[in-house]
Amino acid sequence: MIKETFVDGIGNLAVQAALARIELTQLEKLPSADEKPTYLASHRLVMGIETLLRLHQALDEVVKQLEDKGMIKKNIEKASRNKSVSKPPTP
């Protein structure tokens, strides 16, 4: 039997050497109306760069299927901002 874990979000994502580390978070407690929610890291996925790239490709395919079915809609303005990468100044 495969163990399932529910996560509320992604915490830190870091790439060091040839490994990617993704922290999965869960809501610590239900916040009251005037509180911000707080999250705790509950698990950490550690994978090689090749596996990270395969995960990225698989998630892209799932998102495309959801868009094609009309279940989600791409935010064009936000997507274009995320793709614009500024180059660091050259010395």
PDB file of N, CA and C in Angstrom:
ATOM      1  N   MET A   1       0.839  -1.178   0.000  1.00  0.00           N
ATOM      2  CA  MET A   1       0.000   0.000   0.000  1.00  0.00           C
ATOM      3  C   MET A   1       0.887   1.246   0.000  1.00  0.00           C
ATOM      4  N   ILE A   2       0.531   2.221  -0.827  1.00  0.00           N
ATOM      5  CA  ILE A   2       1.292   3.460  -0.919  1.00  0.00           C
ATOM      6  C   ILE A   2       0.741   4.458   0.086  1.00  0.00           C
ATOM      7  N   LYS A   3       1.623   5.037   0.871  1.00  0.00           N
ATOM      8  CA  LYS A   3       1.230   6.020   1.874  1.00  0.00           C
ATOM      9  C   LYS A   3       0.996   7.366   1.198  1.00  0.00           C
ATOM     10  N   GLU A   4      -0.126   8.020   1.533  1.00  0.00           N
ATOM     11  CA  GLU A   4      -0.441   9.335   0.980  1.00  0.00           C
ATOM     12  C   GLU A   4      -0.318  10.387   2.061  1.00  0.00           C
ATOM     13  N   THR A   5       0.168  11.563   1.672  1.00  0.00           N
ATOM     14  CA  THR A   5       0.297  12.687   2.585  1.00  0.00           C
ATOM     15  C   THR A   5      -0.317  13.904   1.922  1.00  0.00           C
ATOM     16  N   PHE A   6      -1.208  14.587   2.625  1.00  0.00           N
ATOM     17  CA  PHE A   6      -1.792  15.821   2.111  1.00  0.00           C
ATOM     18  C   PHE A   6      -0.887  16.984   2.488  1.00  0.00           C
ATOM     19  N   VAL A   7      -0.647  17.882   1.552  1.00  0.00           N
ATOM     20  CA  VAL A   7       0.136  19.089   1.837  1.00  0.00           C
ATOM     21  C   VAL A   7      -0.681  20.308   1.418  1.00  0.00           C
ATOM     22  N   ASP A   8      -0.489  21.391   2.161  1.00  0.00           N
ATOM     23  CA  ASP A   8      -1.173  22.645   1.853  1.00  0.00           C
ATOM     24  C   ASP A   8      -0.347  23.546   0.952  1.00  0.00           C
ATOM     25  N   GLY A   9       0.955  23.317   0.878  1.00  0.00           N
ATOM     26  CA  GLY A   9       1.766  24.204   0.068  1.00  0.00           C
ATOM     27  C   GLY A   9       3.198  23.748  -0.056  1.00  0.00           C
ATOM     28  N   ILE A  10       3.952  24.592  -0.731  1.00  0.00           N
ATOM     29  CA  ILE A  10       5.384  24.370  -0.931  1.00  0.00           C
ATOM     30  C   ILE A  10       6.116  25.422  -0.120  1.00  0.00           C
ATOM     31  N   GLY A  11       7.036  24.979   0.716  1.00  0.00           N
ATOM     32  CA  GLY A  11       7.838  25.908   1.499  1.00  0.00           C
ATOM     33  C   GLY A  11       9.049  26.322   0.702  1.00  0.00           C
ATOM     34  N   ASN A  12      10.183  25.900   1.124  1.00  0.00           N
ATOM     35  CA  ASN A  12      11.440  26.250   0.470  1.00  0.00           C
ATOM     36  C   ASN A  12      11.733  25.266  -0.655  1.00  0.00           C
ATOM     37  N   LEU A  13      12.302  25.777  -1.731  1.00  0.00           N
ATOM     38  CA  LEU A  13      12.768  24.935  -2.817  1.00  0.00           C
ATOM     39  C   LEU A  13      14.199  25.363  -3.099  1.00  0.00           C
ATOM     40  N   ALA A  14      15.122  24.419  -3.028  1.00  0.00           N
ATOM     41  CA  ALA A  14      16.529  24.762  -3.217  1.00  0.00           C
ATOM     42  C   ALA A  14      17.210  23.692  -4.058  1.00  0.00           C
ATOM     43  N   VAL A  15      18.182  24.128  -4.838  1.00  0.00           N
ATOM     44  CA  VAL A  15      19.020  23.207  -5.605  1.00  0.00           C
ATOM     45  C   VAL A  15      20.439  23.382  -5.111  1.00  0.00           C
ATOM     46  N   GLN A  16      21.027  22.290  -4.651  1.00  0.00           N
ATOM     47  CA  GLN A  16      22.404  22.295  -4.170  1.00  0.00           C
ATOM     48  C   GLN A  16      23.127  21.137  -4.830  1.00  0.00           C
ATOM     49  N   ALA A  17      24.232  21.464  -5.446  1.00  0.00           N
ATOM     50  CA  ALA A  17      25.004  20.469  -6.199  1.00  0.00           C
ATOM     51  C   ALA A  17      24.072  19.825  -7.219  1.00  0.00           C
ATOM     52  N   ALA A  18      23.878  18.534  -7.158  1.00  0.00           N
ATOM     53  CA  ALA A  18      23.037  17.852  -8.145  1.00  0.00           C
ATOM     54  C   ALA A  18      21.695  17.432  -7.569  1.00  0.00           C
ATOM     55  N   LEU A  19      21.306  18.013  -6.414  1.00  0.00           N
ATOM     56  CA  LEU A  19      20.055  17.615  -5.773  1.00  0.00           C
ATOM     57  C   LEU A  19      19.101  18.792  -5.605  1.00  0.00           C
ATOM     58  N   ALA A  20      17.830  18.520  -5.825  1.00  0.00           N
ATOM     59  CA  ALA A  20      16.782  19.508  -5.571  1.00  0.00           C
ATOM     60  C   ALA A  20      16.057  19.073  -4.302  1.00  0.00           C
ATOM     61  N   ARG A  21      15.782  20.037  -3.431  1.00  0.00           N
ATOM     62  CA  ARG A  21      15.069  19.777  -2.185  1.00  0.00           C
ATOM     63  C   ARG A  21      13.825  20.651  -2.163  1.00  0.00           C
ATOM     64  N   ILE A  22      12.670  20.010  -1.987  1.00  0.00           N
ATOM     65  CA  ILE A  22      11.393  20.709  -1.971  1.00  0.00           C
ATOM     66  C   ILE A  22      10.713  20.421  -0.638  1.00  0.00           C
ATOM     67  N   GLU A  23      10.485  21.482   0.151  1.00  0.00           N
ATOM     68  CA  GLU A  23       9.787  21.316   1.425  1.00  0.00           C
ATOM     69  C   GLU A  23       8.284  21.385   1.192  1.00  0.00           C
ATOM     70  N   LEU A  24       7.576  20.402   1.708  1.00  0.00           N
ATOM     71  CA  LEU A  24       6.125  20.369   1.634  1.00  0.00           C
ATOM     72  C   LEU A  24       5.591  20.848   2.977  1.00  0.00           C
ATOM     73  N   THR A  25       4.588  21.707   2.955  1.00  0.00           N
ATOM     74  CA  THR A  25       4.096  22.307   4.191  1.00  0.00           C
ATOM     75  C   THR A  25       2.642  21.952   4.456  1.00  0.00           C
ATOM     76  N   GLN A  26       2.292  22.020   5.726  1.00  0.00           N
ATOM     77  CA  GLN A  26       0.916  21.828   6.167  1.00  0.00           C
ATOM     78  C   GLN A  26       0.540  22.986   7.072  1.00  0.00           C
ATOM     79  N   LEU A  27      -0.729  23.348   7.027  1.00  0.00           N
ATOM     80  CA  LEU A  27      -1.249  24.407   7.872  1.00  0.00           C
ATOM     81  C   LEU A  27      -1.058  24.004   9.331  1.00  0.00           C
ATOM     82  N   GLU A  28      -0.445  24.890  10.119  1.00  0.00           N
ATOM     83  CA  GLU A  28      -0.173  24.574  11.525  1.00  0.00           C
ATOM     84  C   GLU A  28      -1.465  24.515  12.331  1.00  0.00           C
ATOM     85  N   LYS A  29      -2.309  25.530  12.176  1.00  0.00           N
ATOM     86  CA  LYS A  29      -3.611  25.544  12.840  1.00  0.00           C
ATOM     87  C   LYS A  29      -4.522  26.471  12.060  1.00  0.00           C
ATOM     88  N   LEU A  30      -5.801  26.301  12.219  1.00  0.00           N
ATOM     89  CA  LEU A  30      -6.740  27.184  11.542  1.00  0.00           C
ATOM     90  C   LEU A  30      -6.662  28.562  12.179  1.00  0.00           C
ATOM     91  N   PRO A  31      -6.371  29.591  11.383  1.00  0.00           N
ATOM     92  CA  PRO A  31      -6.226  30.930  11.946  1.00  0.00           C
ATOM     93  C   PRO A  31      -7.594  31.547  12.237  1.00  0.00           C
ATOM     94  N   SER A  32      -7.627  32.439  13.232  1.00  0.00           N
ATOM     95  CA  SER A  32      -8.850  33.200  13.471  1.00  0.00           C
ATOM     96  C   SER A  32      -8.956  34.264  12.382  1.00  0.00           C
ATOM     97  N   ALA A  33     -10.039  34.995  12.373  1.00  0.00           N
ATOM     98  CA  ALA A  33     -10.310  35.954  11.300  1.00  0.00           C
ATOM     99  C   ALA A  33      -9.209  36.998  11.133  1.00  0.00           C
ATOM    100  N   ASP A  34      -8.556  37.406  12.213  1.00  0.00           N
ATOM    101  CA  ASP A  34      -7.543  38.467  12.123  1.00  0.00           C
ATOM    102  C   ASP A  34      -6.113  37.937  12.089  1.00  0.00           C
ATOM    103  N   GLU A  35      -5.931  36.635  11.992  1.00  0.00           N
ATOM    104  CA  GLU A  35      -4.592  36.042  11.965  1.00  0.00           C
ATOM    105  C   GLU A  35      -4.222  35.584  10.558  1.00  0.00           C
ATOM    106  N   LYS A  36      -2.932  35.591  10.290  1.00  0.00           N
ATOM    107  CA  LYS A  36      -2.431  34.999   9.053  1.00  0.00           C
ATOM    108  C   LYS A  36      -2.177  33.516   9.325  1.00  0.00           C
ATOM    109  N   PRO A  37      -2.425  32.671   8.348  1.00  0.00           N
ATOM    110  CA  PRO A  37      -2.138  31.248   8.558  1.00  0.00           C
ATOM    111  C   PRO A  37      -0.636  31.011   8.690  1.00  0.00           C
ATOM    112  N   THR A  38      -0.266  30.037   9.493  1.00  0.00           N
ATOM    113  CA  THR A  38       1.137  29.658   9.608  1.00  0.00           C
ATOM    114  C   THR A  38       1.281  28.207   9.156  1.00  0.00           C
ATOM    115  N   TYR A  39       2.396  27.944   8.506  1.00  0.00           N
ATOM    116  CA  TYR A  39       2.643  26.627   7.932  1.00  0.00           C
ATOM    117  C   TYR A  39       3.918  26.033   8.513  1.00  0.00           C
ATOM    118  N   LEU A  40       3.924  24.721   8.634  1.00  0.00           N
ATOM    119  CA  LEU A  40       5.096  23.988   9.092  1.00  0.00           C
ATOM    120  C   LEU A  40       5.557  23.030   8.006  1.00  0.00           C
ATOM    121  N   ALA A  41       6.855  22.915   7.842  1.00  0.00           N
ATOM    122  CA  ALA A  41       7.386  21.922   6.906  1.00  0.00           C
ATOM    123  C   ALA A  41       7.096  20.542   7.477  1.00  0.00           C
ATOM    124  N   SER A  42       6.435  19.707   6.680  1.00  0.00           N
ATOM    125  CA  SER A  42       6.076  18.375   7.164  1.00  0.00           C
ATOM    126  C   SER A  42       6.896  17.271   6.501  1.00  0.00           C
ATOM    127  N   HIS A  43       7.325  17.512   5.276  1.00  0.00           N
ATOM    128  CA  HIS A  43       8.108  16.530   4.536  1.00  0.00           C
ATOM    129  C   HIS A  43       9.066  17.278   3.625  1.00  0.00           C
ATOM    130  N   ARG A  44      10.082  16.581   3.182  1.00  0.00           N
ATOM    131  CA  ARG A  44      11.018  17.158   2.219  1.00  0.00           C
ATOM    132  C   ARG A  44      11.248  16.131   1.120  1.00  0.00           C
ATOM    133  N   LEU A  45      11.022  16.549  -0.122  1.00  0.00           N
ATOM    134  CA  LEU A  45      11.334  15.714  -1.268  1.00  0.00           C
ATOM    135  C   LEU A  45      12.761  16.040  -1.699  1.00  0.00           C
ATOM    136  N   VAL A  46      13.563  15.036  -1.902  1.00  0.00           N
ATOM    137  CA  VAL A  46      14.933  15.231  -2.382  1.00  0.00           C
ATOM    138  C   VAL A  46      15.076  14.377  -3.634  1.00  0.00           C
ATOM    139  N   MET A  47      15.496  15.035  -4.720  1.00  0.00           N
ATOM    140  CA  MET A  47      15.619  14.308  -5.986  1.00  0.00           C
ATOM    141  C   MET A  47      16.752  14.882  -6.810  1.00  0.00           C
ATOM    142  N   GLY A  48      17.220  14.081  -7.740  1.00  0.00           N
ATOM    143  CA  GLY A  48      18.242  14.539  -8.671  1.00  0.00           C
ATOM    144  C   GLY A  48      17.652  15.535  -9.660  1.00  0.00           C
ATOM    145  N   ILE A  49      18.527  16.274 -10.329  1.00  0.00           N
ATOM    146  CA  ILE A  49      18.103  17.293 -11.282  1.00  0.00           C
ATOM    147  C   ILE A  49      17.288  16.674 -12.422  1.00  0.00           C
ATOM    148  N   GLU A  50      17.711  15.534 -12.930  1.00  0.00           N
ATOM    149  CA  GLU A  50      16.964  14.876 -14.012  1.00  0.00           C
ATOM    150  C   GLU A  50      15.543  14.544 -13.575  1.00  0.00           C
ATOM    151  N   THR A  51      15.389  14.063 -12.354  1.00  0.00           N
ATOM    152  CA  THR A  51      14.057  13.746 -11.841  1.00  0.00           C
ATOM    153  C   THR A  51      13.236  15.018 -11.682  1.00  0.00           C
ATOM    154  N   LEU A  52      13.856  16.096 -11.207  1.00  0.00           N
ATOM    155  CA  LEU A  52      13.161  17.376 -11.085  1.00  0.00           C
ATOM    156  C   LEU A  52      12.645  17.838 -12.450  1.00  0.00           C
ATOM    157  N   LEU A  53      13.457  17.691 -13.473  1.00  0.00           N
ATOM    158  CA  LEU A  53      13.046  18.087 -14.820  1.00  0.00           C
ATOM    159  C   LEU A  53      11.895  17.224 -15.338  1.00  0.00           C
ATOM    160  N   ARG A  54      11.919  15.925 -15.038  1.00  0.00           N
ATOM    161  CA  ARG A  54      10.813  15.050 -15.430  1.00  0.00           C
ATOM    162  C   ARG A  54       9.538  15.416 -14.675  1.00  0.00           C
ATOM    163  N   LEU A  55       9.671  15.771 -13.394  1.00  0.00           N
ATOM    164  CA  LEU A  55       8.528  16.217 -12.600  1.00  0.00           C
ATOM    165  C   LEU A  55       7.944  17.494 -13.202  1.00  0.00           C
ATOM    166  N   HIS A  56       8.805  18.430 -13.562  1.00  0.00           N
ATOM    167  CA  HIS A  56       8.368  19.687 -14.188  1.00  0.00           C
ATOM    168  C   HIS A  56       7.594  19.405 -15.469  1.00  0.00           C
ATOM    169  N   GLN A  57       8.125  18.528 -16.311  1.00  0.00           N
ATOM    170  CA  GLN A  57       7.467  18.195 -17.575  1.00  0.00           C
ATOM    171  C   GLN A  57       6.103  17.543 -17.325  1.00  0.00           C
ATOM    172  N   ALA A  58       6.042  16.624 -16.363  1.00  0.00           N
ATOM    173  CA  ALA A  58       4.779  15.948 -16.063  1.00  0.00           C
ATOM    174  C   ALA A  58       3.744  16.929 -15.523  1.00  0.00           C
ATOM    175  N   LEU A  59       4.168  17.850 -14.649  1.00  0.00           N
ATOM    176  CA  LEU A  59       3.237  18.840 -14.110  1.00  0.00           C
ATOM    177  C   LEU A  59       2.766  19.794 -15.197  1.00  0.00           C
ATOM    178  N   ASP A  60       3.651  20.181 -16.106  1.00  0.00           N
ATOM    179  CA  ASP A  60       3.253  21.023 -17.239  1.00  0.00           C
ATOM    180  C   ASP A  60       2.160  20.340 -18.063  1.00  0.00           C
ATOM    181  N   GLU A  61       2.308  19.044 -18.293  1.00  0.00           N
ATOM    182  CA  GLU A  61       1.316  18.299 -19.070  1.00  0.00           C
ATOM    183  C   GLU A  61      -0.028  18.263 -18.349  1.00  0.00           C
ATOM    184  N   VAL A  62      -0.014  18.070 -17.040  1.00  0.00           N
ATOM    185  CA  VAL A  62      -1.256  18.046 -16.267  1.00  0.00           C
ATOM    186  C   VAL A  62      -1.937  19.412 -16.311  1.00  0.00           C
ATOM    187  N   VAL A  63      -1.155  20.483 -16.151  1.00  0.00           N
ATOM    188  CA  VAL A  63      -1.720  21.835 -16.200  1.00  0.00           C
ATOM    189  C   VAL A  63      -2.332  22.096 -17.574  1.00  0.00           C
ATOM    190  N   LYS A  64      -1.658  21.679 -18.634  1.00  0.00           N
ATOM    191  CA  LYS A  64      -2.188  21.860 -19.991  1.00  0.00           C
ATOM    192  C   LYS A  64      -3.510  21.119 -20.147  1.00  0.00           C
ATOM    193  N   GLN A  65      -3.608  19.901 -19.629  1.00  0.00           N
ATOM    194  CA  GLN A  65      -4.855  19.134 -19.706  1.00  0.00           C
ATOM    195  C   GLN A  65      -5.977  19.849 -18.947  1.00  0.00           C
ATOM    196  N   LEU A  66      -5.663  20.410 -17.781  1.00  0.00           N
ATOM    197  CA  LEU A  66      -6.666  21.139 -17.010  1.00  0.00           C
ATOM    198  C   LEU A  66      -7.127  22.391 -17.764  1.00  0.00           C
ATOM    199  N   GLU A  67      -6.190  23.073 -18.429  1.00  0.00           N
ATOM    200  CA  GLU A  67      -6.549  24.246 -19.240  1.00  0.00           C
ATOM    201  C   GLU A  67      -7.430  23.834 -20.411  1.00  0.00           C
ATOM    202  N   ASP A  68      -7.067  22.744 -21.094  1.00  0.00           N
ATOM    203  CA  ASP A  68      -7.836  22.273 -22.249  1.00  0.00           C
ATOM    204  C   ASP A  68      -9.264  21.895 -21.859  1.00  0.00           C
ATOM    205  N   LYS A  69      -9.435  21.367 -20.649  1.00  0.00           N
ATOM    206  CA  LYS A  69     -10.768  20.984 -20.163  1.00  0.00           C
ATOM    207  C   LYS A  69     -11.536  22.166 -19.586  1.00  0.00           C
ATOM    208  N   GLY A  70     -10.888  23.336 -19.517  1.00  0.00           N
ATOM    209  CA  GLY A  70     -11.544  24.519 -18.982  1.00  0.00           C
ATOM    210  C   GLY A  70     -11.642  24.537 -17.467  1.00  0.00           C
ATOM    211  N   MET A  71     -10.898  23.678 -16.802  1.00  0.00           N
ATOM    212  CA  MET A  71     -10.955  23.601 -15.341  1.00  0.00           C
ATOM    213  C   MET A  71     -10.154  24.722 -14.687  1.00  0.00           C
ATOM    214  N   ILE A  72      -9.128  25.200 -15.392  1.00  0.00           N
ATOM    215  CA  ILE A  72      -8.334  26.334 -14.920  1.00  0.00           C
ATOM    216  C   ILE A  72      -8.084  27.257 -16.100  1.00  0.00           C
ATOM    217  N   LYS A  73      -7.736  28.499 -15.802  1.00  0.00           N
ATOM    218  CA  LYS A  73      -7.461  29.477 -16.844  1.00  0.00           C
ATOM    219  C   LYS A  73      -6.111  30.102 -16.560  1.00  0.00           C
ATOM    220  N   LYS A  74      -5.274  30.169 -17.576  1.00  0.00           N
ATOM    221  CA  LYS A  74      -3.940  30.734 -17.423  1.00  0.00           C
ATOM    222  C   LYS A  74      -4.050  32.250 -17.264  1.00  0.00           C
ATOM    223  N   ASN A  75      -3.296  32.787 -16.315  1.00  0.00           N
ATOM    224  CA  ASN A  75      -3.219  34.221 -16.125  1.00  0.00           C
ATOM    225  C   ASN A  75      -2.077  34.720 -17.000  1.00  0.00           C
ATOM    226  N   ILE A  76      -2.410  35.221 -18.189  1.00  0.00           N
ATOM    227  CA  ILE A  76      -1.408  35.619 -19.182  1.00  0.00           C
ATOM    228  C   ILE A  76      -0.485  36.702 -18.637  1.00  0.00           C
ATOM    229  N   GLU A  77      -1.034  37.723 -17.967  1.00  0.00           N
ATOM    230  CA  GLU A  77      -0.216  38.825 -17.453  1.00  0.00           C
ATOM    231  C   GLU A  77       0.807  38.326 -16.444  1.00  0.00           C
ATOM    232  N   LYS A  78       0.375  37.477 -15.511  1.00  0.00           N
ATOM    233  CA  LYS A  78       1.283  36.952 -14.496  1.00  0.00           C
ATOM    234  C   LYS A  78       2.335  36.048 -15.140  1.00  0.00           C
ATOM    235  N   ALA A  79       1.931  35.237 -16.109  1.00  0.00           N
ATOM    236  CA  ALA A  79       2.869  34.334 -16.774  1.00  0.00           C
ATOM    237  C   ALA A  79       3.962  35.115 -17.496  1.00  0.00           C
ATOM    238  N   SER A  80       3.598  36.217 -18.133  1.00  0.00           N
ATOM    239  CA  SER A  80       4.616  36.986 -18.849  1.00  0.00           C
ATOM    240  C   SER A  80       5.574  37.665 -17.875  1.00  0.00           C
ATOM    241  N   ARG A  81       5.088  38.093 -16.703  1.00  0.00           N
ATOM    242  CA  ARG A  81       5.977  38.686 -15.693  1.00  0.00           C
ATOM    243  C   ARG A  81       6.943  37.642 -15.165  1.00  0.00           C
ATOM    244  N   ASN A  82       6.476  36.415 -14.951  1.00  0.00           N
ATOM    245  CA  ASN A  82       7.333  35.363 -14.406  1.00  0.00           C
ATOM    246  C   ASN A  82       8.422  34.948 -15.383  1.00  0.00           C
ATOM    247  N   LYS A  83       8.187  35.101 -16.671  1.00  0.00           N
ATOM    248  CA  LYS A  83       9.161  34.670 -17.664  1.00  0.00           C
ATOM    249  C   LYS A  83      10.222  35.736 -17.923  1.00  0.00           C
ATOM    250  N   SER A  84       9.951  36.973 -17.559  1.00  0.00           N
ATOM    251  CA  SER A  84      10.943  38.023 -17.803  1.00  0.00           C
ATOM    252  C   SER A  84      11.996  37.978 -16.704  1.00  0.00           C
ATOM    253  N   VAL A  85      13.180  37.625 -17.093  1.00  0.00           N
ATOM    254  CA  VAL A  85      14.285  37.487 -16.147  1.00  0.00           C
ATOM    255  C   VAL A  85      15.262  38.624 -16.401  1.00  0.00           C
ATOM    256  N   SER A  86      15.569  39.362 -15.361  1.00  0.00           N
ATOM    257  CA  SER A  86      16.531  40.440 -15.536  1.00  0.00           C
ATOM    258  C   SER A  86      17.936  39.889 -15.374  1.00  0.00           C
ATOM    259  N   LYS A  87      18.812  40.380 -16.223  1.00  0.00           N
ATOM    260  CA  LYS A  87      20.199  39.933 -16.170  1.00  0.00           C
ATOM    261  C   LYS A  87      20.936  40.734 -15.104  1.00  0.00           C
ATOM    262  N   PRO A  88      21.820  40.088 -14.365  1.00  0.00           N
ATOM    263  CA  PRO A  88      22.608  40.822 -13.388  1.00  0.00           C
ATOM    264  C   PRO A  88      23.550  41.788 -14.090  1.00  0.00           C
ATOM    265  N   PRO A  89      23.855  42.916 -13.459  1.00  0.00           N
ATOM    266  CA  PRO A  89      24.762  43.868 -14.105  1.00  0.00           C
ATOM    267  C   PRO A  89      26.138  43.249 -14.300  1.00  0.00           C
ATOM    268  N   THR A  90      26.750  43.603 -15.407  1.00  0.00           N
ATOM    269  CA  THR A  90      28.096  43.097 -15.683  1.00  0.00           C
ATOM    270  C   THR A  90      29.127  44.062 -15.104  1.00  0.00           C
ATOM    271  N   PRO A  91      30.164  43.542 -14.483  1.00  0.00           N
ATOM    272  CA  PRO A  91      31.186  44.414 -13.876  1.00  0.00           C
ATOM    273  C   PRO A  91      32.030  45.118 -14.884  1.00  0.00           C
TER     274      PRO A  91
END
